[in-house]
Amino acid sequence: MFFRLLGVLGIVLLFIIQSSLAGLVIRNRYRLLKTRQRLVGRYSRFFLKVANIRFKNSPQFSKAEKLYVSNHLSYLDVIVIAARLDTLFITSTDIQSDWFLGLMSRLGAALFTNRRGGKALRSEISHAARALSEGHSVVVFPEATSGPGLEVLPFHPSAFSSALEAERPIVPLCLRYPLINKQANNASLRNSVCWYGEMKFFPHLMKLLQLDSV
């Protein structure tokens, strides 16, 4: 546990330093977004290795820009997807206000959206459509929240608007964590991986790092 925590701290610090430097040095928007996507992917792979989280299936993605829509179980979803796919993520302005998750999201080139609607949402959809048009793939979690995975929550239709505006294809993703500590995912293990509701981030991360494998 100690060495895992030390490894995660090193990953976080190196990512913050490199992504911050990229923001100071790279002035071209397209190059900066691509650089930060690659950094997120690189350090996501490091995190999965340190935490002993492995893919049961390793899907191959084309490099063409698409809007990927996925179910949402945990902050771990972002790390898992980023480890296999260079992409931008759409997340809520609620995350933006969190000192740590907001910082990591900004340095990871996340696109923030106000899911309560209004003029701000219209503007944010346009930003996502612009990213797709410029050659970036984008991931959105249309349930607009995470859950334990017992059911798929209703989708927010605005999640698909950016792809329609940019005329880019929509590709579904389905995430599952079927094995935890080499046992079938069950009620006693589920919440060590799934993060939702009023769960606090750092206590949950400590619980995740205590697992033998996922």
N, C-alpha and C. Protein backbone atom coordinates (compact mmCIF):
# COMPACT_ATOMS: atom_id res chain seq x y z
N MET A 1 0.82 -1.20 0.00
CA MET A 1 0.00 0.00 0.00
C MET A 1 0.87 1.26 0.00
N PHE A 2 1.92 1.27 0.85
CA PHE A 2 2.79 2.45 0.94
C PHE A 2 3.45 2.74 -0.40
N PHE A 3 4.00 1.71 -1.04
CA PHE A 3 4.71 1.91 -2.30
C PHE A 3 3.74 2.28 -3.43
N ARG A 4 2.53 1.72 -3.37
CA ARG A 4 1.52 2.12 -4.36
C ARG A 4 1.17 3.60 -4.21
N LEU A 5 0.96 4.01 -2.97
CA LEU A 5 0.62 5.41 -2.71
C LEU A 5 1.76 6.31 -3.16
N LEU A 6 2.99 5.92 -2.89
CA LEU A 6 4.15 6.69 -3.31
C LEU A 6 4.20 6.77 -4.83
N GLY A 7 3.90 5.66 -5.50
CA GLY A 7 3.89 5.66 -6.95
C GLY A 7 2.83 6.58 -7.52
N VAL A 8 1.64 6.56 -6.93
CA VAL A 8 0.55 7.42 -7.40
C VAL A 8 0.90 8.89 -7.18
N LEU A 9 1.49 9.22 -6.04
CA LEU A 9 1.91 10.60 -5.79
C LEU A 9 2.94 11.06 -6.82
N GLY A 10 3.87 10.18 -7.16
CA GLY A 10 4.85 10.51 -8.19
C GLY A 10 4.20 10.74 -9.55
N ILE A 11 3.24 9.90 -9.89
CA ILE A 11 2.52 10.04 -11.16
C ILE A 11 1.79 11.38 -11.21
N VAL A 12 1.10 11.72 -10.12
CA VAL A 12 0.34 12.97 -10.07
C VAL A 12 1.26 14.17 -10.20
N LEU A 13 2.36 14.18 -9.46
CA LEU A 13 3.28 15.31 -9.49
C LEU A 13 3.92 15.48 -10.86
N LEU A 14 4.35 14.39 -11.47
CA LEU A 14 4.97 14.48 -12.79
C LEU A 14 3.97 14.96 -13.84
N PHE A 15 2.74 14.48 -13.74
CA PHE A 15 1.71 14.92 -14.68
C PHE A 15 1.45 16.41 -14.53
N ILE A 16 1.30 16.88 -13.29
CA ILE A 16 1.04 18.30 -13.06
C ILE A 16 2.17 19.16 -13.61
N ILE A 17 3.40 18.75 -13.37
CA ILE A 17 4.56 19.51 -13.85
C ILE A 17 4.60 19.55 -15.37
N GLN A 18 4.48 18.38 -16.00
CA GLN A 18 4.62 18.33 -17.45
C GLN A 18 3.47 19.02 -18.16
N SER A 19 2.24 18.84 -17.67
CA SER A 19 1.10 19.48 -18.32
C SER A 19 1.14 20.99 -18.12
N SER A 20 1.59 21.44 -16.95
CA SER A 20 1.72 22.88 -16.70
C SER A 20 2.78 23.49 -17.61
N LEU A 21 3.89 22.82 -17.76
CA LEU A 21 4.95 23.31 -18.65
C LEU A 21 4.46 23.36 -20.10
N ALA A 22 3.69 22.34 -20.49
CA ALA A 22 3.14 22.34 -21.85
C ALA A 22 2.27 23.56 -22.08
N GLY A 23 1.48 23.93 -21.06
CA GLY A 23 0.63 25.10 -21.18
C GLY A 23 1.40 26.39 -21.31
N LEU A 24 2.61 26.44 -20.73
CA LEU A 24 3.44 27.64 -20.81
C LEU A 24 4.20 27.73 -22.14
N VAL A 25 4.54 26.58 -22.69
CA VAL A 25 5.41 26.55 -23.87
C VAL A 25 4.63 26.49 -25.18
N ILE A 26 3.55 25.71 -25.21
CA ILE A 26 2.82 25.47 -26.46
C ILE A 26 1.69 26.47 -26.60
N ARG A 27 1.73 27.26 -27.65
CA ARG A 27 0.71 28.29 -27.86
C ARG A 27 -0.38 27.86 -28.83
N ASN A 28 -0.08 26.90 -29.68
CA ASN A 28 -1.07 26.42 -30.63
C ASN A 28 -2.10 25.55 -29.91
N ARG A 29 -3.37 25.90 -30.04
CA ARG A 29 -4.43 25.20 -29.31
C ARG A 29 -4.47 23.72 -29.66
N TYR A 30 -4.42 23.37 -30.94
CA TYR A 30 -4.51 21.98 -31.36
C TYR A 30 -3.35 21.17 -30.77
N ARG A 31 -2.13 21.68 -30.88
CA ARG A 31 -0.96 20.97 -30.38
C ARG A 31 -1.02 20.82 -28.86
N LEU A 32 -1.50 21.85 -28.16
CA LEU A 32 -1.58 21.77 -26.71
C LEU A 32 -2.58 20.70 -26.27
N LEU A 33 -3.74 20.67 -26.91
CA LEU A 33 -4.74 19.66 -26.56
C LEU A 33 -4.22 18.26 -26.84
N LYS A 34 -3.56 18.07 -27.99
CA LYS A 34 -3.02 16.76 -28.32
C LYS A 34 -1.92 16.35 -27.34
N THR A 35 -1.07 17.30 -26.97
CA THR A 35 0.00 17.01 -26.01
C THR A 35 -0.58 16.58 -24.68
N ARG A 36 -1.58 17.31 -24.21
CA ARG A 36 -2.18 16.97 -22.92
C ARG A 36 -2.93 15.64 -22.98
N GLN A 37 -3.53 15.33 -24.12
CA GLN A 37 -4.17 14.01 -24.27
C GLN A 37 -3.13 12.90 -24.13
N ARG A 38 -1.98 13.07 -24.77
CA ARG A 38 -0.94 12.05 -24.70
C ARG A 38 -0.40 11.92 -23.27
N LEU A 39 -0.26 13.05 -22.58
CA LEU A 39 0.20 13.00 -21.19
C LEU A 39 -0.81 12.26 -20.31
N VAL A 40 -2.09 12.56 -20.48
CA VAL A 40 -3.13 11.87 -19.72
C VAL A 40 -3.06 10.37 -19.99
N GLY A 41 -2.91 9.99 -21.26
CA GLY A 41 -2.81 8.58 -21.62
C GLY A 41 -1.60 7.90 -20.99
N ARG A 42 -0.46 8.57 -21.07
CA ARG A 42 0.78 8.00 -20.53
C ARG A 42 0.67 7.76 -19.03
N TYR A 43 0.22 8.78 -18.29
CA TYR A 43 0.18 8.63 -16.84
C TYR A 43 -1.00 7.79 -16.38
N SER A 44 -2.03 7.67 -17.21
CA SER A 44 -3.11 6.72 -16.91
C SER A 44 -2.59 5.29 -16.97
N ARG A 45 -1.78 5.02 -17.97
CA ARG A 45 -1.19 3.67 -18.07
C ARG A 45 -0.28 3.38 -16.89
N PHE A 46 0.49 4.38 -16.46
CA PHE A 46 1.33 4.20 -15.27
C PHE A 46 0.48 3.91 -14.04
N PHE A 47 -0.62 4.65 -13.89
CA PHE A 47 -1.50 4.45 -12.74
C PHE A 47 -2.06 3.03 -12.73
N LEU A 48 -2.56 2.57 -13.87
CA LEU A 48 -3.14 1.23 -13.94
C LEU A 48 -2.10 0.17 -13.59
N LYS A 49 -0.86 0.38 -14.00
CA LYS A 49 0.19 -0.59 -13.68
C LYS A 49 0.48 -0.58 -12.18
N VAL A 50 0.59 0.61 -11.59
CA VAL A 50 0.86 0.71 -10.15
C VAL A 50 -0.27 0.09 -9.34
N ALA A 51 -1.52 0.33 -9.75
CA ALA A 51 -2.69 -0.17 -9.01
C ALA A 51 -3.07 -1.60 -9.39
N ASN A 52 -2.33 -2.21 -10.32
CA ASN A 52 -2.59 -3.58 -10.78
C ASN A 52 -4.02 -3.72 -11.32
N ILE A 53 -4.38 -2.79 -12.18
CA ILE A 53 -5.68 -2.81 -12.86
C ILE A 53 -5.42 -3.21 -14.31
N ARG A 54 -6.03 -4.29 -14.74
CA ARG A 54 -5.73 -4.85 -16.06
C ARG A 54 -6.98 -4.95 -16.91
N PHE A 55 -6.76 -4.89 -18.22
CA PHE A 55 -7.85 -5.03 -19.18
C PHE A 55 -8.11 -6.50 -19.45
N LYS A 56 -9.37 -6.88 -19.38
CA LYS A 56 -9.74 -8.23 -19.82
C LYS A 56 -9.75 -8.29 -21.34
N ASN A 57 -10.25 -7.23 -21.94
CA ASN A 57 -10.20 -7.08 -23.39
C ASN A 57 -9.49 -5.77 -23.69
N SER A 58 -8.69 -5.77 -24.74
CA SER A 58 -7.94 -4.57 -25.10
C SER A 58 -8.41 -4.08 -26.46
N PRO A 59 -9.47 -3.27 -26.49
CA PRO A 59 -10.03 -2.86 -27.78
C PRO A 59 -9.09 -1.96 -28.56
N GLN A 60 -9.19 -2.03 -29.86
CA GLN A 60 -8.42 -1.18 -30.75
C GLN A 60 -9.33 -0.08 -31.29
N PHE A 61 -8.88 1.16 -31.20
CA PHE A 61 -9.67 2.29 -31.65
C PHE A 61 -9.01 2.93 -32.87
N SER A 62 -9.82 3.34 -33.82
CA SER A 62 -9.28 4.09 -34.95
C SER A 62 -8.93 5.49 -34.49
N LYS A 63 -8.09 6.17 -35.26
CA LYS A 63 -7.65 7.50 -34.88
C LYS A 63 -8.60 8.59 -35.38
N ALA A 64 -9.61 8.21 -36.15
CA ALA A 64 -10.56 9.21 -36.64
C ALA A 64 -11.34 9.80 -35.47
N GLU A 65 -11.63 11.10 -35.57
CA GLU A 65 -12.31 11.78 -34.47
C GLU A 65 -13.76 11.31 -34.36
N LYS A 66 -14.18 11.02 -33.14
CA LYS A 66 -15.53 10.52 -32.86
C LYS A 66 -15.99 11.05 -31.52
N LEU A 67 -17.28 10.98 -31.28
CA LEU A 67 -17.83 11.20 -29.95
C LEU A 67 -18.10 9.84 -29.34
N TYR A 68 -17.39 9.52 -28.29
CA TYR A 68 -17.60 8.26 -27.57
C TYR A 68 -18.54 8.51 -26.40
N VAL A 69 -19.55 7.67 -26.27
CA VAL A 69 -20.49 7.79 -25.15
C VAL A 69 -20.36 6.53 -24.29
N SER A 70 -20.25 6.73 -22.99
CA SER A 70 -19.97 5.61 -22.11
C SER A 70 -20.83 5.66 -20.86
N ASN A 71 -21.10 4.49 -20.30
CA ASN A 71 -21.66 4.43 -18.96
C ASN A 71 -20.62 4.94 -17.96
N HIS A 72 -21.04 5.24 -16.75
CA HIS A 72 -20.13 5.91 -15.81
C HIS A 72 -20.27 5.29 -14.43
N LEU A 73 -19.16 4.70 -13.95
CA LEU A 73 -19.15 4.01 -12.67
C LEU A 73 -18.23 4.67 -11.64
N SER A 74 -17.20 5.39 -12.13
CA SER A 74 -16.17 5.87 -11.21
C SER A 74 -15.24 6.84 -11.93
N TYR A 75 -14.46 7.59 -11.15
CA TYR A 75 -13.37 8.38 -11.74
C TYR A 75 -12.39 7.47 -12.47
N LEU A 76 -12.35 6.21 -12.07
CA LEU A 76 -11.46 5.25 -12.72
C LEU A 76 -11.79 5.08 -14.19
N ASP A 77 -13.03 5.31 -14.58
CA ASP A 77 -13.44 5.20 -15.98
C ASP A 77 -12.57 6.08 -16.89
N VAL A 78 -12.32 7.30 -16.43
CA VAL A 78 -11.53 8.24 -17.22
C VAL A 78 -10.12 7.69 -17.43
N ILE A 79 -9.54 7.15 -16.38
CA ILE A 79 -8.18 6.61 -16.46
C ILE A 79 -8.14 5.41 -17.39
N VAL A 80 -9.13 4.53 -17.28
CA VAL A 80 -9.18 3.33 -18.12
C VAL A 80 -9.33 3.70 -19.59
N ILE A 81 -10.23 4.62 -19.90
CA ILE A 81 -10.43 5.02 -21.30
C ILE A 81 -9.20 5.74 -21.83
N ALA A 82 -8.66 6.66 -21.04
CA ALA A 82 -7.50 7.44 -21.49
C ALA A 82 -6.28 6.56 -21.73
N ALA A 83 -6.18 5.45 -21.02
CA ALA A 83 -5.05 4.55 -21.21
C ALA A 83 -5.08 3.88 -22.57
N ARG A 84 -6.24 3.85 -23.22
CA ARG A 84 -6.38 3.19 -24.51
C ARG A 84 -6.74 4.14 -25.64
N LEU A 85 -7.08 5.37 -25.31
CA LEU A 85 -7.61 6.26 -26.34
C LEU A 85 -7.21 7.70 -26.06
N ASP A 86 -6.52 8.34 -27.02
CA ASP A 86 -6.23 9.76 -26.91
C ASP A 86 -7.50 10.55 -27.17
N THR A 87 -8.01 11.21 -26.15
CA THR A 87 -9.30 11.87 -26.29
C THR A 87 -9.45 12.99 -25.27
N LEU A 88 -10.40 13.86 -25.51
CA LEU A 88 -10.82 14.84 -24.53
C LEU A 88 -12.04 14.30 -23.80
N PHE A 89 -12.23 14.73 -22.57
CA PHE A 89 -13.37 14.29 -21.79
C PHE A 89 -14.26 15.49 -21.46
N ILE A 90 -15.57 15.26 -21.54
CA ILE A 90 -16.53 16.27 -21.09
C ILE A 90 -16.89 15.94 -19.64
N THR A 91 -16.75 16.91 -18.77
CA THR A 91 -17.11 16.71 -17.37
C THR A 91 -17.89 17.92 -16.87
N SER A 92 -18.43 17.82 -15.70
CA SER A 92 -19.33 18.86 -15.20
C SER A 92 -18.57 19.99 -14.53
N THR A 93 -19.19 21.15 -14.47
CA THR A 93 -18.60 22.28 -13.77
C THR A 93 -18.52 22.01 -12.27
N ASP A 94 -19.28 21.04 -11.76
CA ASP A 94 -19.16 20.67 -10.35
C ASP A 94 -17.76 20.12 -10.06
N ILE A 95 -17.23 19.33 -10.98
CA ILE A 95 -15.87 18.80 -10.84
C ILE A 95 -14.86 19.94 -10.93
N GLN A 96 -15.13 20.90 -11.79
CA GLN A 96 -14.22 22.03 -11.98
C GLN A 96 -13.99 22.79 -10.68
N SER A 97 -14.99 22.83 -9.82
CA SER A 97 -14.88 23.59 -8.57
C SER A 97 -14.10 22.85 -7.48
N ASP A 98 -13.84 21.55 -7.69
CA ASP A 98 -13.06 20.78 -6.71
C ASP A 98 -11.58 21.10 -6.89
N TRP A 99 -10.88 21.40 -5.79
CA TRP A 99 -9.50 21.89 -5.92
C TRP A 99 -8.58 20.88 -6.60
N PHE A 100 -8.74 19.58 -6.28
CA PHE A 100 -7.84 18.58 -6.87
C PHE A 100 -8.37 18.06 -8.20
N LEU A 101 -9.60 17.56 -8.21
CA LEU A 101 -10.16 17.01 -9.44
C LEU A 101 -10.29 18.10 -10.51
N GLY A 102 -10.61 19.32 -10.08
CA GLY A 102 -10.68 20.43 -11.03
C GLY A 102 -9.33 20.72 -11.65
N LEU A 103 -8.29 20.73 -10.83
CA LEU A 103 -6.92 20.96 -11.35
C LEU A 103 -6.52 19.88 -12.33
N MET A 104 -6.74 18.61 -11.96
CA MET A 104 -6.37 17.50 -12.85
C MET A 104 -7.17 17.55 -14.14
N SER A 105 -8.43 17.94 -14.05
CA SER A 105 -9.27 18.02 -15.25
C SER A 105 -8.80 19.13 -16.18
N ARG A 106 -8.48 20.29 -15.61
CA ARG A 106 -7.99 21.41 -16.44
C ARG A 106 -6.68 21.05 -17.11
N LEU A 107 -5.76 20.45 -16.37
CA LEU A 107 -4.47 20.08 -16.95
C LEU A 107 -4.61 18.92 -17.93
N GLY A 108 -5.70 18.17 -17.81
CA GLY A 108 -5.99 17.10 -18.75
C GLY A 108 -6.81 17.54 -19.93
N ALA A 109 -7.03 18.86 -20.05
CA ALA A 109 -7.76 19.46 -21.18
C ALA A 109 -9.21 19.02 -21.24
N ALA A 110 -9.83 18.85 -20.08
CA ALA A 110 -11.25 18.49 -20.05
C ALA A 110 -12.10 19.65 -20.56
N LEU A 111 -13.25 19.30 -21.12
CA LEU A 111 -14.24 20.28 -21.55
C LEU A 111 -15.34 20.29 -20.51
N PHE A 112 -15.56 21.43 -19.88
CA PHE A 112 -16.53 21.50 -18.78
C PHE A 112 -17.91 21.91 -19.31
N THR A 113 -18.92 21.29 -18.73
CA THR A 113 -20.28 21.60 -19.16
C THR A 113 -21.19 21.80 -17.95
N ASN A 114 -22.09 22.75 -18.07
CA ASN A 114 -23.09 23.00 -17.04
C ASN A 114 -24.34 22.22 -17.41
N ARG A 115 -24.54 21.09 -16.75
CA ARG A 115 -25.63 20.19 -17.15
C ARG A 115 -27.00 20.68 -16.71
N ARG A 116 -27.04 21.84 -16.10
CA ARG A 116 -28.33 22.40 -15.71
C ARG A 116 -28.99 23.16 -16.86
N GLY A 117 -28.29 23.26 -17.98
CA GLY A 117 -28.89 23.85 -19.17
C GLY A 117 -28.66 25.35 -19.26
N GLY A 118 -29.46 26.00 -20.12
CA GLY A 118 -29.34 27.44 -20.30
C GLY A 118 -28.35 27.81 -21.37
N LYS A 119 -28.03 29.11 -21.45
CA LYS A 119 -27.13 29.62 -22.49
C LYS A 119 -25.73 29.05 -22.34
N ALA A 120 -25.30 28.83 -21.09
CA ALA A 120 -23.96 28.28 -20.86
C ALA A 120 -23.82 26.91 -21.51
N LEU A 121 -24.85 26.07 -21.40
CA LEU A 121 -24.81 24.74 -21.99
C LEU A 121 -24.68 24.84 -23.51
N ARG A 122 -25.40 25.75 -24.13
CA ARG A 122 -25.33 25.92 -25.57
C ARG A 122 -23.91 26.28 -26.01
N SER A 123 -23.27 27.17 -25.26
CA SER A 123 -21.91 27.56 -25.56
C SER A 123 -20.94 26.39 -25.39
N GLU A 124 -21.15 25.60 -24.35
CA GLU A 124 -20.25 24.49 -24.07
C GLU A 124 -20.40 23.37 -25.12
N ILE A 125 -21.61 23.17 -25.62
CA ILE A 125 -21.82 22.21 -26.70
C ILE A 125 -21.04 22.66 -27.94
N SER A 126 -21.03 23.94 -28.20
CA SER A 126 -20.28 24.48 -29.34
C SER A 126 -18.78 24.26 -29.17
N HIS A 127 -18.28 24.39 -27.93
CA HIS A 127 -16.86 24.13 -27.68
C HIS A 127 -16.52 22.67 -27.98
N ALA A 128 -17.38 21.76 -27.56
CA ALA A 128 -17.14 20.34 -27.82
C ALA A 128 -17.23 20.05 -29.32
N ALA A 129 -18.18 20.67 -30.01
CA ALA A 129 -18.31 20.49 -31.46
C ALA A 129 -17.07 21.02 -32.17
N ARG A 130 -16.54 22.14 -31.66
CA ARG A 130 -15.32 22.70 -32.25
C ARG A 130 -14.16 21.72 -32.09
N ALA A 131 -14.05 21.11 -30.90
CA ALA A 131 -12.96 20.15 -30.68
C ALA A 131 -13.07 18.97 -31.64
N LEU A 132 -14.29 18.47 -31.84
CA LEU A 132 -14.49 17.37 -32.80
C LEU A 132 -14.12 17.81 -34.21
N SER A 133 -14.51 19.02 -34.59
CA SER A 133 -14.24 19.52 -35.93
C SER A 133 -12.75 19.73 -36.16
N GLU A 134 -12.02 20.02 -35.08
CA GLU A 134 -10.58 20.27 -35.19
C GLU A 134 -9.76 18.99 -35.23
N GLY A 135 -10.42 17.85 -35.05
CA GLY A 135 -9.70 16.59 -35.16
C GLY A 135 -9.47 15.85 -33.86
N HIS A 136 -10.18 16.22 -32.80
CA HIS A 136 -10.06 15.53 -31.52
C HIS A 136 -11.25 14.60 -31.31
N SER A 137 -10.99 13.48 -30.69
CA SER A 137 -12.10 12.65 -30.21
C SER A 137 -12.52 13.17 -28.85
N VAL A 138 -13.77 12.94 -28.51
CA VAL A 138 -14.34 13.42 -27.25
C VAL A 138 -15.12 12.29 -26.60
N VAL A 139 -14.99 12.16 -25.29
CA VAL A 139 -15.76 11.18 -24.52
C VAL A 139 -16.74 11.92 -23.63
N VAL A 140 -17.98 11.46 -23.63
CA VAL A 140 -19.00 12.03 -22.76
C VAL A 140 -19.70 10.91 -22.01
N PHE A 141 -20.09 11.18 -20.78
CA PHE A 141 -20.86 10.24 -19.97
C PHE A 141 -22.29 10.77 -19.92
N PRO A 142 -23.17 10.30 -20.79
CA PRO A 142 -24.49 10.92 -20.94
C PRO A 142 -25.42 10.72 -19.75
N GLU A 143 -25.07 9.83 -18.83
CA GLU A 143 -25.88 9.71 -17.61
C GLU A 143 -25.70 10.93 -16.71
N ALA A 144 -24.60 11.68 -16.95
CA ALA A 144 -24.29 12.93 -16.22
C ALA A 144 -23.99 12.70 -14.75
N THR A 145 -23.80 11.46 -14.35
CA THR A 145 -23.39 11.13 -12.99
C THR A 145 -22.87 9.70 -13.00
N SER A 146 -22.18 9.32 -11.95
CA SER A 146 -21.71 7.94 -11.84
C SER A 146 -22.65 7.15 -10.92
N GLY A 147 -22.55 5.84 -11.02
CA GLY A 147 -23.41 4.98 -10.22
C GLY A 147 -22.78 3.62 -10.03
N PRO A 148 -23.42 2.73 -9.27
CA PRO A 148 -22.85 1.41 -8.99
C PRO A 148 -22.96 0.42 -10.13
N GLY A 149 -23.58 0.82 -11.23
CA GLY A 149 -23.65 -0.05 -12.39
C GLY A 149 -24.76 -1.07 -12.36
N LEU A 150 -25.69 -0.93 -11.43
CA LEU A 150 -26.81 -1.88 -11.36
C LEU A 150 -27.82 -1.64 -12.45
N GLU A 151 -27.84 -0.41 -12.99
CA GLU A 151 -28.73 -0.07 -14.09
C GLU A 151 -28.13 1.11 -14.84
N VAL A 152 -28.56 1.28 -16.07
CA VAL A 152 -28.15 2.44 -16.85
C VAL A 152 -29.13 3.57 -16.57
N LEU A 153 -28.61 4.70 -16.13
CA LEU A 153 -29.46 5.84 -15.79
C LEU A 153 -29.91 6.56 -17.06
N PRO A 154 -30.97 7.36 -16.99
CA PRO A 154 -31.44 8.08 -18.19
C PRO A 154 -30.34 8.96 -18.79
N PHE A 155 -30.28 8.99 -20.11
CA PHE A 155 -29.30 9.81 -20.82
C PHE A 155 -29.79 11.24 -20.96
N HIS A 156 -28.87 12.18 -20.89
CA HIS A 156 -29.17 13.57 -21.20
C HIS A 156 -28.99 13.77 -22.70
N PRO A 157 -30.03 14.10 -23.43
CA PRO A 157 -29.91 14.21 -24.89
C PRO A 157 -28.90 15.24 -25.35
N SER A 158 -28.63 16.27 -24.52
CA SER A 158 -27.66 17.29 -24.92
C SER A 158 -26.26 16.70 -25.09
N ALA A 159 -26.02 15.53 -24.48
CA ALA A 159 -24.70 14.90 -24.59
C ALA A 159 -24.33 14.57 -26.03
N PHE A 160 -25.33 14.38 -26.88
CA PHE A 160 -25.07 13.98 -28.26
C PHE A 160 -25.03 15.18 -29.22
N SER A 161 -25.37 16.35 -28.73
CA SER A 161 -25.54 17.51 -29.60
C SER A 161 -24.26 17.92 -30.31
N SER A 162 -23.11 17.79 -29.61
CA SER A 162 -21.86 18.22 -30.22
C SER A 162 -21.51 17.39 -31.46
N ALA A 163 -21.79 16.07 -31.40
CA ALA A 163 -21.51 15.21 -32.56
C ALA A 163 -22.41 15.57 -33.72
N LEU A 164 -23.67 15.88 -33.44
CA LEU A 164 -24.60 16.26 -34.50
C LEU A 164 -24.17 17.58 -35.13
N GLU A 165 -23.73 18.51 -34.28
CA GLU A 165 -23.30 19.82 -34.79
C GLU A 165 -22.04 19.71 -35.62
N ALA A 166 -21.10 18.85 -35.19
CA ALA A 166 -19.83 18.69 -35.91
C ALA A 166 -19.91 17.64 -37.01
N GLU A 167 -21.04 16.93 -37.10
CA GLU A 167 -21.23 15.86 -38.09
C GLU A 167 -20.15 14.78 -37.95
N ARG A 168 -20.01 14.31 -36.72
CA ARG A 168 -19.05 13.24 -36.43
C ARG A 168 -19.80 12.02 -35.89
N PRO A 169 -19.27 10.82 -36.12
CA PRO A 169 -19.97 9.61 -35.66
C PRO A 169 -19.97 9.49 -34.14
N ILE A 170 -20.96 8.76 -33.65
CA ILE A 170 -21.10 8.48 -32.22
C ILE A 170 -20.83 7.00 -32.00
N VAL A 171 -19.93 6.70 -31.04
CA VAL A 171 -19.53 5.31 -30.79
C VAL A 171 -19.81 4.98 -29.32
N PRO A 172 -20.58 3.93 -29.05
CA PRO A 172 -20.87 3.57 -27.65
C PRO A 172 -19.73 2.77 -27.01
N LEU A 173 -19.50 3.02 -25.73
CA LEU A 173 -18.56 2.24 -24.93
C LEU A 173 -19.32 1.68 -23.73
N CYS A 174 -18.92 0.50 -23.28
CA CYS A 174 -19.51 -0.09 -22.09
C CYS A 174 -18.38 -0.55 -21.17
N LEU A 175 -18.34 0.03 -19.97
CA LEU A 175 -17.29 -0.30 -19.01
C LEU A 175 -17.83 -1.22 -17.94
N ARG A 176 -17.05 -2.23 -17.59
CA ARG A 176 -17.38 -3.14 -16.51
C ARG A 176 -16.11 -3.49 -15.75
N TYR A 177 -16.26 -3.76 -14.48
CA TYR A 177 -15.15 -4.21 -13.65
C TYR A 177 -15.55 -5.58 -13.09
N PRO A 178 -15.45 -6.63 -13.91
CA PRO A 178 -16.03 -7.93 -13.54
C PRO A 178 -15.29 -8.66 -12.44
N LEU A 179 -13.98 -8.43 -12.30
CA LEU A 179 -13.20 -9.13 -11.29
C LEU A 179 -12.52 -8.13 -10.36
N ILE A 180 -12.71 -8.30 -9.08
CA ILE A 180 -12.05 -7.48 -8.06
C ILE A 180 -11.40 -8.44 -7.08
N ASN A 181 -10.09 -8.31 -6.90
CA ASN A 181 -9.33 -9.27 -6.08
C ASN A 181 -9.55 -10.71 -6.56
N LYS A 182 -9.65 -10.85 -7.89
CA LYS A 182 -9.82 -12.14 -8.54
C LYS A 182 -11.14 -12.82 -8.18
N GLN A 183 -12.09 -12.05 -7.66
CA GLN A 183 -13.43 -12.56 -7.37
C GLN A 183 -14.43 -11.81 -8.25
N ALA A 184 -15.54 -12.49 -8.52
CA ALA A 184 -16.60 -11.83 -9.29
C ALA A 184 -17.08 -10.60 -8.54
N ASN A 185 -17.27 -9.53 -9.26
CA ASN A 185 -17.75 -8.28 -8.67
C ASN A 185 -19.06 -8.53 -7.93
N ASN A 186 -19.12 -8.13 -6.67
CA ASN A 186 -20.33 -8.35 -5.88
C ASN A 186 -20.56 -7.16 -4.95
N ALA A 187 -21.62 -7.22 -4.18
CA ALA A 187 -22.02 -6.08 -3.34
C ALA A 187 -20.95 -5.70 -2.33
N SER A 188 -20.19 -6.67 -1.83
CA SER A 188 -19.18 -6.37 -0.82
C SER A 188 -17.92 -5.75 -1.40
N LEU A 189 -17.69 -5.94 -2.70
CA LEU A 189 -16.48 -5.42 -3.35
C LEU A 189 -16.75 -4.21 -4.24
N ARG A 190 -17.98 -4.08 -4.72
CA ARG A 190 -18.33 -3.10 -5.75
C ARG A 190 -17.89 -1.69 -5.41
N ASN A 191 -18.14 -1.26 -4.19
CA ASN A 191 -17.88 0.12 -3.82
C ASN A 191 -16.41 0.44 -3.59
N SER A 192 -15.55 -0.58 -3.71
CA SER A 192 -14.12 -0.31 -3.70
C SER A 192 -13.66 0.25 -5.04
N VAL A 193 -14.46 0.04 -6.07
CA VAL A 193 -14.13 0.54 -7.42
C VAL A 193 -15.12 1.63 -7.84
N CYS A 194 -16.39 1.36 -7.69
CA CYS A 194 -17.40 2.35 -8.09
C CYS A 194 -17.38 3.54 -7.12
N TRP A 195 -17.48 4.72 -7.68
CA TRP A 195 -17.44 5.97 -6.89
C TRP A 195 -18.63 6.80 -7.31
N TYR A 196 -19.51 7.06 -6.37
CA TYR A 196 -20.76 7.74 -6.74
C TYR A 196 -21.40 8.34 -5.49
N GLY A 197 -22.46 9.09 -5.72
CA GLY A 197 -23.21 9.66 -4.60
C GLY A 197 -22.36 10.62 -3.78
N GLU A 198 -22.40 10.43 -2.47
CA GLU A 198 -21.69 11.32 -1.55
C GLU A 198 -20.32 10.78 -1.14
N MET A 199 -19.80 9.80 -1.86
CA MET A 199 -18.49 9.25 -1.51
C MET A 199 -17.41 10.33 -1.67
N LYS A 200 -16.47 10.36 -0.72
CA LYS A 200 -15.36 11.29 -0.77
C LYS A 200 -14.23 10.70 -1.62
N PHE A 201 -13.57 11.56 -2.40
CA PHE A 201 -12.59 11.07 -3.36
C PHE A 201 -11.39 10.41 -2.70
N PHE A 202 -10.71 11.10 -1.80
CA PHE A 202 -9.45 10.57 -1.27
C PHE A 202 -9.63 9.31 -0.43
N PRO A 203 -10.63 9.22 0.44
CA PRO A 203 -10.85 7.94 1.14
C PRO A 203 -11.14 6.79 0.18
N HIS A 204 -11.90 7.09 -0.89
CA HIS A 204 -12.18 6.04 -1.87
C HIS A 204 -10.92 5.61 -2.60
N LEU A 205 -10.07 6.58 -2.96
CA LEU A 205 -8.81 6.25 -3.64
C LEU A 205 -7.95 5.35 -2.76
N MET A 206 -7.90 5.63 -1.45
CA MET A 206 -7.13 4.78 -0.54
C MET A 206 -7.69 3.35 -0.54
N LYS A 207 -9.01 3.24 -0.57
CA LYS A 207 -9.63 1.91 -0.60
C LYS A 207 -9.30 1.18 -1.92
N LEU A 208 -9.31 1.92 -3.02
CA LEU A 208 -8.98 1.33 -4.32
C LEU A 208 -7.55 0.81 -4.33
N LEU A 209 -6.63 1.58 -3.77
CA LEU A 209 -5.21 1.20 -3.79
C LEU A 209 -4.92 0.02 -2.88
N GLN A 210 -5.84 -0.30 -1.98
CA GLN A 210 -5.65 -1.46 -1.10
C GLN A 210 -6.06 -2.77 -1.77
N LEU A 211 -6.73 -2.70 -2.90
CA LEU A 211 -7.14 -3.91 -3.61
C LEU A 211 -5.91 -4.62 -4.21
N ASP A 212 -5.98 -5.93 -4.25
CA ASP A 212 -4.88 -6.69 -4.87
C ASP A 212 -4.88 -6.53 -6.39
N SER A 213 -6.09 -6.56 -6.96
CA SER A 213 -6.17 -6.46 -8.43
C SER A 213 -7.59 -6.13 -8.83
N VAL A 214 -7.71 -5.55 -10.03
CA VAL A 214 -9.01 -5.28 -10.64
C VAL A 214 -8.92 -5.70 -12.10
